[in-house]
Amino acid sequence: MDEFNRYYGEKNSNLRCSALLIALNKIIYENHFNQQSFCAETFLSKHVYDNITCYRSENYQFKTLAAFFIAANVTLNEAENLFHEAGYYLNHSTMHSVIRFALEKHLTLYEADELLFEKTGKHFFTFQKNNS
């Protein structure tokens, strides 16, 4: 049973992620992101960039995808479709409402983080901008 679960989970994950990785790479290409600009715009690591551009199957965290979509000015409809590809669905939580609003209004990552902090007292990103 464990062997089947590992096999099925790996096969299912790879199939699900392949469409997602193709779409993420298309967004990178369309935004002319290289490793340096990707990291600067999204505040994500070069490890994330490398995993996407090398088509490595990885389960991306919701916040990672949200940061990428907000930074790349992905439409709300496209973001929702890609969240679904990754196994996520936008609900009516405050965080998801802020992400939905940020995508609709083309907010920057900083603006989305400030809005989330204002509404919840929590920051969206672990890495915070320098307030100086």
C-alpha atoms as a PDB file:
ATOM      1  CA  MET A   1       0.000   0.000   0.000  1.00  0.00           C
ATOM      2  CA  ASP A   2       2.789   2.482   0.884  1.00  0.00           C
ATOM      3  CA  GLU A   3       4.542   1.735  -2.389  1.00  0.00           C
ATOM      4  CA  PHE A   4       1.342   2.459  -4.336  1.00  0.00           C
ATOM      5  CA  ASN A   5       0.791   5.713  -2.442  1.00  0.00           C
ATOM      6  CA  ARG A   6       4.349   6.855  -3.195  1.00  0.00           C
ATOM      7  CA  TYR A   7       3.973   5.856  -6.853  1.00  0.00           C
ATOM      8  CA  TYR A   8       0.564   7.438  -7.285  1.00  0.00           C
ATOM      9  CA  GLY A   9       1.562  10.582  -5.407  1.00  0.00           C
ATOM     10  CA  GLU A  10       4.695  11.037  -7.528  1.00  0.00           C
ATOM     11  CA  LYS A  11       2.851  10.430 -10.797  1.00  0.00           C
ATOM     12  CA  ASN A  12      -0.059  12.660  -9.849  1.00  0.00           C
ATOM     13  CA  SER A  13       2.243  15.430  -8.597  1.00  0.00           C
ATOM     14  CA  ASN A  14       4.401  15.393 -11.713  1.00  0.00           C
ATOM     15  CA  LEU A  15       1.416  15.512 -14.055  1.00  0.00           C
ATOM     16  CA  ARG A  16      -0.209  18.335 -12.101  1.00  0.00           C
ATOM     17  CA  CYS A  17       2.966  20.367 -11.842  1.00  0.00           C
ATOM     18  CA  SER A  18       4.008  20.010 -15.467  1.00  0.00           C
ATOM     19  CA  ALA A  19       1.187  22.269 -16.701  1.00  0.00           C
ATOM     20  CA  LEU A  20       1.896  24.663 -13.842  1.00  0.00           C
ATOM     21  CA  LEU A  21       5.632  24.785 -14.575  1.00  0.00           C
ATOM     22  CA  ILE A  22       5.009  25.412 -18.264  1.00  0.00           C
ATOM     23  CA  ALA A  23       2.720  28.323 -17.357  1.00  0.00           C
ATOM     24  CA  LEU A  24       5.196  29.737 -14.811  1.00  0.00           C
ATOM     25  CA  ASN A  25       7.992  29.602 -17.365  1.00  0.00           C
ATOM     26  CA  LYS A  26       5.783  31.375 -19.890  1.00  0.00           C
ATOM     27  CA  ILE A  27       5.192  34.163 -17.354  1.00  0.00           C
ATOM     28  CA  ILE A  28       8.940  34.413 -16.708  1.00  0.00           C
ATOM     29  CA  TYR A  29       9.593  34.635 -20.453  1.00  0.00           C
ATOM     30  CA  GLU A  30       6.849  37.213 -21.087  1.00  0.00           C
ATOM     31  CA  ASN A  31       8.135  39.411 -18.238  1.00  0.00           C
ATOM     32  CA  HIS A  32      11.747  39.099 -19.423  1.00  0.00           C
ATOM     33  CA  PHE A  33      12.775  37.880 -15.971  1.00  0.00           C
ATOM     34  CA  ASN A  34      16.283  36.599 -15.528  1.00  0.00           C
ATOM     35  CA  GLN A  35      17.412  35.183 -12.203  1.00  0.00           C
ATOM     36  CA  GLN A  36      18.409  38.579 -10.816  1.00  0.00           C
ATOM     37  CA  SER A  37      15.264  40.437 -11.894  1.00  0.00           C
ATOM     38  CA  PHE A  38      13.032  37.555 -10.774  1.00  0.00           C
ATOM     39  CA  CYS A  39      14.524  37.637  -7.275  1.00  0.00           C
ATOM     40  CA  ALA A  40      14.386  41.444  -7.113  1.00  0.00           C
ATOM     41  CA  GLU A  41      10.765  41.692  -8.283  1.00  0.00           C
ATOM     42  CA  THR A  42       9.281  38.756  -6.371  1.00  0.00           C
ATOM     43  CA  PHE A  43      11.513  38.686  -3.270  1.00  0.00           C
ATOM     44  CA  LEU A  44      11.798  34.941  -3.878  1.00  0.00           C
ATOM     45  CA  SER A  45      15.067  33.026  -3.875  1.00  0.00           C
ATOM     46  CA  LYS A  46      17.184  31.913  -6.799  1.00  0.00           C
ATOM     47  CA  HIS A  47      16.315  28.375  -5.686  1.00  0.00           C
ATOM     48  CA  VAL A  48      12.659  29.023  -6.599  1.00  0.00           C
ATOM     49  CA  TYR A  49      13.707  30.547  -9.933  1.00  0.00           C
ATOM     50  CA  ASP A  50      15.929  27.563 -10.710  1.00  0.00           C
ATOM     51  CA  ASN A  51      13.195  25.077  -9.796  1.00  0.00           C
ATOM     52  CA  ILE A  52      10.776  26.785 -12.152  1.00  0.00           C
ATOM     53  CA  THR A  53      13.134  27.307 -15.078  1.00  0.00           C
ATOM     54  CA  CYS A  54      14.621  23.801 -14.811  1.00  0.00           C
ATOM     55  CA  TYR A  55      11.094  22.315 -14.761  1.00  0.00           C
ATOM     56  CA  ARG A  56      11.664  20.570 -11.456  1.00  0.00           C
ATOM     57  CA  SER A  57       8.495  19.254  -9.927  1.00  0.00           C
ATOM     58  CA  GLU A  58       8.029  20.939  -6.622  1.00  0.00           C
ATOM     59  CA  ASN A  59       4.986  21.781  -4.610  1.00  0.00           C
ATOM     60  CA  TYR A  60       5.050  25.555  -4.335  1.00  0.00           C
ATOM     61  CA  GLN A  61       3.637  27.238  -1.278  1.00  0.00           C
ATOM     62  CA  PHE A  62       0.584  29.394  -1.751  1.00  0.00           C
ATOM     63  CA  LYS A  63       2.460  32.553  -0.735  1.00  0.00           C
ATOM     64  CA  THR A  64       5.258  31.786  -3.203  1.00  0.00           C
ATOM     65  CA  LEU A  65       2.821  31.570  -6.083  1.00  0.00           C
ATOM     66  CA  ALA A  66       0.928  34.646  -4.890  1.00  0.00           C
ATOM     67  CA  ALA A  67       4.136  36.698  -4.734  1.00  0.00           C
ATOM     68  CA  PHE A  68       5.088  35.571  -8.218  1.00  0.00           C
ATOM     69  CA  PHE A  69       1.644  36.351  -9.650  1.00  0.00           C
ATOM     70  CA  ILE A  70       1.447  39.775  -8.005  1.00  0.00           C
ATOM     71  CA  ALA A  71       4.975  40.742  -9.110  1.00  0.00           C
ATOM     72  CA  ALA A  72       4.332  39.576 -12.678  1.00  0.00           C
ATOM     73  CA  ASN A  73       0.958  41.389 -12.879  1.00  0.00           C
ATOM     74  CA  VAL A  74      -0.856  38.177 -13.748  1.00  0.00           C
ATOM     75  CA  THR A  75      -4.586  38.642 -14.233  1.00  0.00           C
ATOM     76  CA  LEU A  76      -6.873  37.412 -11.477  1.00  0.00           C
ATOM     77  CA  ASN A  77      -8.455  34.858 -13.807  1.00  0.00           C
ATOM     78  CA  GLU A  78      -5.081  33.441 -14.862  1.00  0.00           C
ATOM     79  CA  ALA A  79      -3.854  33.407 -11.257  1.00  0.00           C
ATOM     80  CA  GLU A  80      -6.945  31.524 -10.098  1.00  0.00           C
ATOM     81  CA  ASN A  81      -6.428  28.941 -12.851  1.00  0.00           C
ATOM     82  CA  LEU A  82      -2.782  28.517 -11.905  1.00  0.00           C
ATOM     83  CA  PHE A  83      -3.602  28.295  -8.200  1.00  0.00           C
ATOM     84  CA  HIS A  84      -6.001  25.481  -9.137  1.00  0.00           C
ATOM     85  CA  GLU A  85      -3.231  23.752 -11.122  1.00  0.00           C
ATOM     86  CA  ALA A  86      -1.125  23.855  -7.953  1.00  0.00           C
ATOM     87  CA  GLY A  87      -3.977  22.512  -5.832  1.00  0.00           C
ATOM     88  CA  TYR A  88      -5.005  25.789  -4.201  1.00  0.00           C
ATOM     89  CA  TYR A  89      -8.274  27.672  -4.298  1.00  0.00           C
ATOM     90  CA  LEU A  90      -8.888  31.270  -3.313  1.00  0.00           C
ATOM     91  CA  ASN A  91     -11.381  31.386  -0.478  1.00  0.00           C
ATOM     92  CA  HIS A  92     -12.853  34.324   1.419  1.00  0.00           C
ATOM     93  CA  SER A  93     -10.167  34.580   4.097  1.00  0.00           C
ATOM     94  CA  THR A  94      -8.595  37.970   4.643  1.00  0.00           C
ATOM     95  CA  MET A  95      -5.291  36.856   3.116  1.00  0.00           C
ATOM     96  CA  HIS A  96      -6.964  35.475  -0.001  1.00  0.00           C
ATOM     97  CA  SER A  97      -9.143  38.581  -0.294  1.00  0.00           C
ATOM     98  CA  VAL A  98      -6.026  40.772  -0.150  1.00  0.00           C
ATOM     99  CA  ILE A  99      -4.345  38.643  -2.838  1.00  0.00           C
ATOM    100  CA  ARG A 100      -7.451  38.797  -5.009  1.00  0.00           C
ATOM    101  CA  PHE A 101      -7.621  42.600  -4.543  1.00  0.00           C
ATOM    102  CA  ALA A 102      -3.877  42.976  -5.250  1.00  0.00           C
ATOM    103  CA  LEU A 103      -4.217  41.042  -8.496  1.00  0.00           C
ATOM    104  CA  GLU A 104      -7.315  42.950  -9.610  1.00  0.00           C
ATOM    105  CA  LYS A 105      -5.823  46.364  -8.807  1.00  0.00           C
ATOM    106  CA  HIS A 106      -2.237  45.533  -9.878  1.00  0.00           C
ATOM    107  CA  LEU A 107      -0.744  46.358  -6.484  1.00  0.00           C
ATOM    108  CA  THR A 108       2.959  45.951  -5.866  1.00  0.00           C
ATOM    109  CA  LEU A 109       4.190  43.345  -3.403  1.00  0.00           C
ATOM    110  CA  TYR A 110       4.898  46.092  -0.891  1.00  0.00           C
ATOM    111  CA  GLU A 111       1.388  47.472  -1.241  1.00  0.00           C
ATOM    112  CA  ALA A 112      -0.130  43.990  -0.847  1.00  0.00           C
ATOM    113  CA  ASP A 113       1.993  43.386   2.257  1.00  0.00           C
ATOM    114  CA  GLU A 114       1.008  46.735   3.785  1.00  0.00           C
ATOM    115  CA  LEU A 115      -2.668  46.059   3.102  1.00  0.00           C
ATOM    116  CA  LEU A 116      -2.476  42.616   4.671  1.00  0.00           C
ATOM    117  CA  PHE A 117      -0.702  44.019   7.729  1.00  0.00           C
ATOM    118  CA  GLU A 118      -3.329  46.738   8.059  1.00  0.00           C
ATOM    119  CA  LYS A 119      -6.142  44.160   7.910  1.00  0.00           C
ATOM    120  CA  THR A 120      -4.610  41.332   9.973  1.00  0.00           C
ATOM    121  CA  GLY A 121      -1.556  42.578  11.848  1.00  0.00           C
ATOM    122  CA  LYS A 122       0.518  39.992   9.956  1.00  0.00           C
ATOM    123  CA  HIS A 123       2.967  40.454   7.131  1.00  0.00           C
ATOM    124  CA  PHE A 124       2.625  38.599   3.861  1.00  0.00           C
ATOM    125  CA  PHE A 125       6.365  38.132   3.434  1.00  0.00           C
ATOM    126  CA  THR A 126       9.016  36.909   5.843  1.00  0.00           C
ATOM    127  CA  PHE A 127      11.550  39.326   4.336  1.00  0.00           C
ATOM    128  CA  GLN A 128      10.446  42.856   5.149  1.00  0.00           C
ATOM    129  CA  LYS A 129      11.425  45.996   3.305  1.00  0.00           C
ATOM    130  CA  ASN A 130      13.761  48.400   5.000  1.00  0.00           C
ATOM    131  CA  ASN A 131      11.730  51.242   6.459  1.00  0.00           C
ATOM    132  CA  SER A 132      14.557  53.764   6.163  1.00  0.00           C
END
